[in-house]
């Protein structure tokens, strides 16, 4: 399970990140462990304590999360990519704190590696890949596009434009979209309950895979 945000350094004291709290990913890891799974949680910076029964690897940047995920991916049966990985990072981090000089300041950004898409290309038969689509418009359209483009078995579509669910909230809601076309609507509920529903859906889908 990947969880939390990444931090892409701009200088020694500043970084680019996002509003992810890691709560969803941590809840998924805990729910999987409660079902008896051997869980590796790869987490960006959060204020959360480690879930019981999980091995935890802490990372900062998208590059570090990619390296940690790929190092263990081949031995994994299921990947649940719940982390909010930065899509872009500063092309070059300044070695010293950038000083205010009163003028405009431009940052050149480069795209980061798409961890989930890379795993989708490397997957072996029998592996099950789950992604999240946190969108603010055309949520289901974009989620279905990601499901196919990244070669996933399941994607969780979230409308993060709502302030009461998603990023930095204790609740979540969304729709589970399966590669075969089946969909399950999950109403608003506590993230621990949401995680249990997602894990149950993964377990059932893997049984059907044989």
Protein backbone atom coordinates (compact mmCIF):
# COMPACT_ATOMS: atom_id res chain seq x y z
CA UNK A 1 0.00 0.00 0.00
CA UNK A 2 1.30 3.46 -0.85
CA UNK A 3 -0.02 6.37 1.21
CA UNK A 4 0.31 10.06 1.93
CA UNK A 5 1.81 12.91 -0.09
CA UNK A 6 5.29 13.32 -1.46
CA UNK A 7 7.47 16.37 -0.91
CA UNK A 8 9.53 17.67 -3.78
CA UNK A 9 12.31 19.99 -2.51
CA UNK A 10 12.63 23.54 -3.81
CA UNK A 11 15.45 24.45 -1.43
CA UNK A 12 16.60 23.09 1.97
CA UNK A 13 13.52 24.50 3.77
CA UNK A 14 10.76 24.58 1.14
CA UNK A 15 9.00 21.94 -0.91
CA UNK A 16 6.06 21.33 -3.26
CA UNK A 17 3.42 18.98 -1.87
CA UNK A 18 -0.36 18.52 -1.62
CA UNK A 19 -3.16 18.19 0.94
CA UNK A 20 -3.05 14.41 1.36
CA UNK A 21 -3.08 13.38 5.04
CA UNK A 22 -2.39 9.69 4.38
CA UNK A 23 -5.51 8.67 6.31
CA UNK A 24 -7.00 6.65 3.45
CA UNK A 25 -3.85 4.72 2.70
CA UNK A 26 -3.21 3.99 6.38
CA UNK A 27 -6.81 2.79 6.78
CA UNK A 28 -6.39 0.46 3.79
CA UNK A 29 -3.17 -0.95 5.20
CA UNK A 30 -4.83 -1.53 8.58
CA UNK A 31 -7.87 -3.17 6.97
CA UNK A 32 -5.69 -5.51 4.92
CA UNK A 33 -3.59 -6.45 7.95
CA UNK A 34 -6.75 -7.15 9.96
CA UNK A 35 -7.71 -9.72 7.31
CA UNK A 36 -4.39 -11.48 7.79
CA UNK A 37 -2.44 -10.01 4.88
CA UNK A 38 1.29 -9.37 5.11
CA UNK A 39 1.29 -5.63 4.48
CA UNK A 40 4.05 -3.27 3.43
CA UNK A 41 3.06 0.39 3.81
CA UNK A 42 5.18 2.83 1.80
CA UNK A 43 4.30 6.25 3.15
CA UNK A 44 5.14 9.83 2.44
CA UNK A 45 5.32 12.34 5.33
CA UNK A 46 2.25 12.23 7.59
CA UNK A 47 1.33 12.90 11.22
CA UNK A 48 -0.11 9.38 11.59
CA UNK A 49 1.16 6.53 13.72
CA UNK A 50 2.00 3.28 11.90
CA UNK A 51 -0.89 0.81 11.52
CA UNK A 52 -0.69 -2.29 13.68
CA UNK A 53 0.83 -5.32 11.99
CA UNK A 54 2.32 -3.51 9.00
CA UNK A 55 5.90 -3.12 7.82
CA UNK A 56 6.48 0.57 7.17
CA UNK A 57 8.90 2.28 4.80
CA UNK A 58 8.99 6.08 5.04
CA UNK A 59 9.92 8.18 2.02
CA UNK A 60 9.87 11.86 1.09
CA UNK A 61 9.96 12.32 -2.69
CA UNK A 62 8.18 10.72 -5.63
CA UNK A 63 11.50 9.25 -6.73
CA UNK A 64 12.02 7.60 -3.33
CA UNK A 65 8.47 6.23 -3.37
CA UNK A 66 9.02 4.80 -6.85
CA UNK A 67 12.24 3.08 -5.81
CA UNK A 68 10.64 1.59 -2.69
CA UNK A 69 7.56 0.39 -4.57
CA UNK A 70 9.43 -1.19 -7.46
CA UNK A 71 11.89 -2.89 -5.12
CA UNK A 72 9.05 -4.93 -3.60
CA UNK A 73 6.53 -5.01 -6.42
CA UNK A 74 7.58 -8.30 -7.98
CA UNK A 75 7.07 -10.15 -4.68
CA UNK A 76 3.67 -8.55 -4.02
CA UNK A 77 0.30 -10.08 -4.85
CA UNK A 78 -1.67 -6.83 -4.53
CA UNK A 79 -0.67 -3.20 -4.96
CA UNK A 80 -3.00 -0.52 -3.62
CA UNK A 81 -1.69 2.85 -4.73
CA UNK A 82 -3.44 5.35 -2.47
CA UNK A 83 -0.57 7.85 -2.25
CA UNK A 84 -1.00 11.34 -3.70
CA UNK A 85 2.29 11.38 -5.58
CA UNK A 86 3.40 14.74 -6.93
CA UNK A 87 3.02 14.88 -10.71
CA UNK A 88 5.76 17.50 -10.98
CA UNK A 89 8.93 18.36 -9.09
CA UNK A 90 11.33 21.33 -9.33
CA UNK A 91 13.83 20.68 -12.10
CA UNK A 92 16.60 21.68 -9.71
CA UNK A 93 16.56 22.25 -5.96
CA UNK A 94 18.55 25.26 -4.77
CA UNK A 95 21.43 24.31 -2.45
CA UNK A 96 20.69 27.27 -0.17
CA UNK A 97 17.50 28.94 1.05
CA UNK A 98 16.10 31.12 -1.69
CA UNK A 99 16.01 34.74 -0.49
CA UNK A 100 13.24 37.24 -1.15
CA UNK A 101 14.47 40.02 -3.43
CA UNK A 102 11.17 41.71 -4.19
CA UNK A 103 11.01 40.50 -7.78
CA UNK A 104 9.07 37.72 -9.49
CA UNK A 105 10.31 34.18 -9.05
CA UNK A 106 9.77 31.37 -11.56
CA UNK A 107 10.09 27.64 -10.89
CA UNK A 108 10.83 25.18 -13.67
CA UNK A 109 9.04 21.89 -13.07
CA UNK A 110 9.70 18.45 -14.52
CA UNK A 111 7.26 15.53 -14.56
CA UNK A 112 7.86 12.79 -12.02
CA UNK A 113 7.69 9.10 -12.90
CA UNK A 114 4.21 7.56 -12.97
CA UNK A 115 4.70 4.79 -10.41
CA UNK A 116 1.38 3.04 -10.95
CA UNK A 117 1.65 3.09 -14.75
CA UNK A 118 5.13 1.59 -14.49
CA UNK A 119 3.82 -1.17 -12.23
CA UNK A 120 1.00 -1.76 -14.71
CA UNK A 121 3.58 -2.41 -17.43
CA UNK A 122 5.70 -4.67 -15.19
CA UNK A 123 2.89 -6.69 -13.63
CA UNK A 124 3.06 -10.47 -13.75
CA UNK A 125 0.06 -12.79 -14.13
CA UNK A 126 -1.97 -13.02 -10.93
CA UNK A 127 -1.04 -9.62 -9.53
CA UNK A 128 -3.93 -7.28 -8.66
CA UNK A 129 -3.49 -3.52 -9.06
CA UNK A 130 -5.66 -0.89 -7.41
CA UNK A 131 -5.42 2.83 -8.05
CA UNK A 132 -7.17 5.99 -6.89
CA UNK A 133 -8.49 8.77 -9.12
CA UNK A 134 -8.82 11.97 -7.07
CA UNK A 135 -10.55 14.37 -9.44
CA UNK A 136 -12.55 17.59 -9.26
CA UNK A 137 -14.28 17.39 -12.66
CA UNK A 138 -15.36 14.63 -15.05
CA UNK A 139 -14.52 12.25 -12.22
CA UNK A 140 -15.81 9.00 -13.70
CA UNK A 141 -14.58 9.77 -17.21
CA UNK A 142 -11.06 10.46 -15.99
CA UNK A 143 -11.13 7.46 -13.64
CA UNK A 144 -12.08 5.09 -16.48
CA UNK A 145 -9.30 6.54 -18.62
CA UNK A 146 -6.75 5.91 -15.83
CA UNK A 147 -8.09 2.41 -15.22
CA UNK A 148 -7.34 1.45 -18.82
CA UNK A 149 -4.19 3.50 -19.39
CA UNK A 150 -2.43 2.19 -16.28
CA UNK A 151 -3.54 -1.44 -16.80
CA UNK A 152 -5.34 -1.69 -13.46
CA UNK A 153 -7.88 -4.16 -12.11
CA UNK A 154 -9.73 -1.62 -9.98
CA UNK A 155 -9.76 2.13 -9.53
CA UNK A 156 -11.44 4.12 -6.78
CA UNK A 157 -12.97 7.31 -8.17
CA UNK A 158 -13.09 10.20 -5.68
CA UNK A 159 -14.61 13.65 -6.14
CA UNK A 160 -12.16 15.70 -4.08
CA UNK A 161 -13.90 18.99 -4.86
CA UNK A 162 -16.12 18.28 -1.85
CA UNK A 163 -14.59 19.68 1.37
CA UNK A 164 -16.24 17.00 3.56
CA UNK A 165 -14.59 13.98 1.93
CA UNK A 166 -11.25 13.07 0.42
CA UNK A 167 -8.09 15.02 1.22
CA UNK A 168 -7.45 15.70 4.91
CA UNK A 169 -10.91 14.44 5.92
CA UNK A 170 -11.99 11.56 8.16
CA UNK A 171 -14.65 10.51 5.64
CA UNK A 172 -14.66 9.31 2.07
CA UNK A 173 -17.08 8.37 -0.69
CA UNK A 174 -16.62 7.16 -4.22
CA UNK A 175 -17.22 4.56 -6.85
CA UNK A 176 -15.23 1.38 -7.43
CA UNK A 177 -14.64 0.80 -11.14
CA UNK A 178 -13.45 -2.66 -12.18
CA UNK A 179 -11.60 -3.53 -15.38
CA UNK A 180 -14.44 -5.83 -16.41
CA UNK A 181 -16.96 -3.00 -16.28
CA UNK A 182 -18.59 -3.71 -12.92
CA UNK A 183 -19.09 -0.72 -10.61
CA UNK A 184 -19.86 -0.36 -6.91
CA UNK A 185 -21.05 2.92 -5.40
CA UNK A 186 -19.79 3.59 -1.88
CA UNK A 187 -21.69 6.33 0.00
CA UNK A 188 -20.03 8.68 2.45
CA UNK A 189 -18.62 6.84 5.45
CA UNK A 190 -15.67 6.85 7.84
CA UNK A 191 -12.39 6.11 6.06
CA UNK A 192 -11.83 2.97 8.14
CA UNK A 193 -15.20 1.64 6.95
CA UNK A 194 -14.47 2.76 3.41
CA UNK A 195 -11.16 0.91 3.54
CA UNK A 196 -12.84 -2.27 4.74
CA UNK A 197 -15.29 -2.10 1.83
CA UNK A 198 -12.46 -1.60 -0.66
CA UNK A 199 -10.43 -4.49 0.75
CA UNK A 200 -13.50 -6.75 0.72
CA UNK A 201 -14.07 -5.87 -2.94
CA UNK A 202 -10.44 -6.66 -3.77
CA UNK A 203 -10.62 -10.03 -2.01
CA UNK A 204 -13.81 -10.96 -3.87
CA UNK A 205 -12.42 -9.83 -7.24
CA UNK A 206 -9.25 -11.88 -6.77
CA UNK A 207 -11.34 -14.97 -5.97
CA UNK A 208 -13.14 -14.52 -9.28
CA UNK A 209 -9.77 -14.31 -11.05
CA UNK A 210 -9.08 -17.84 -9.82
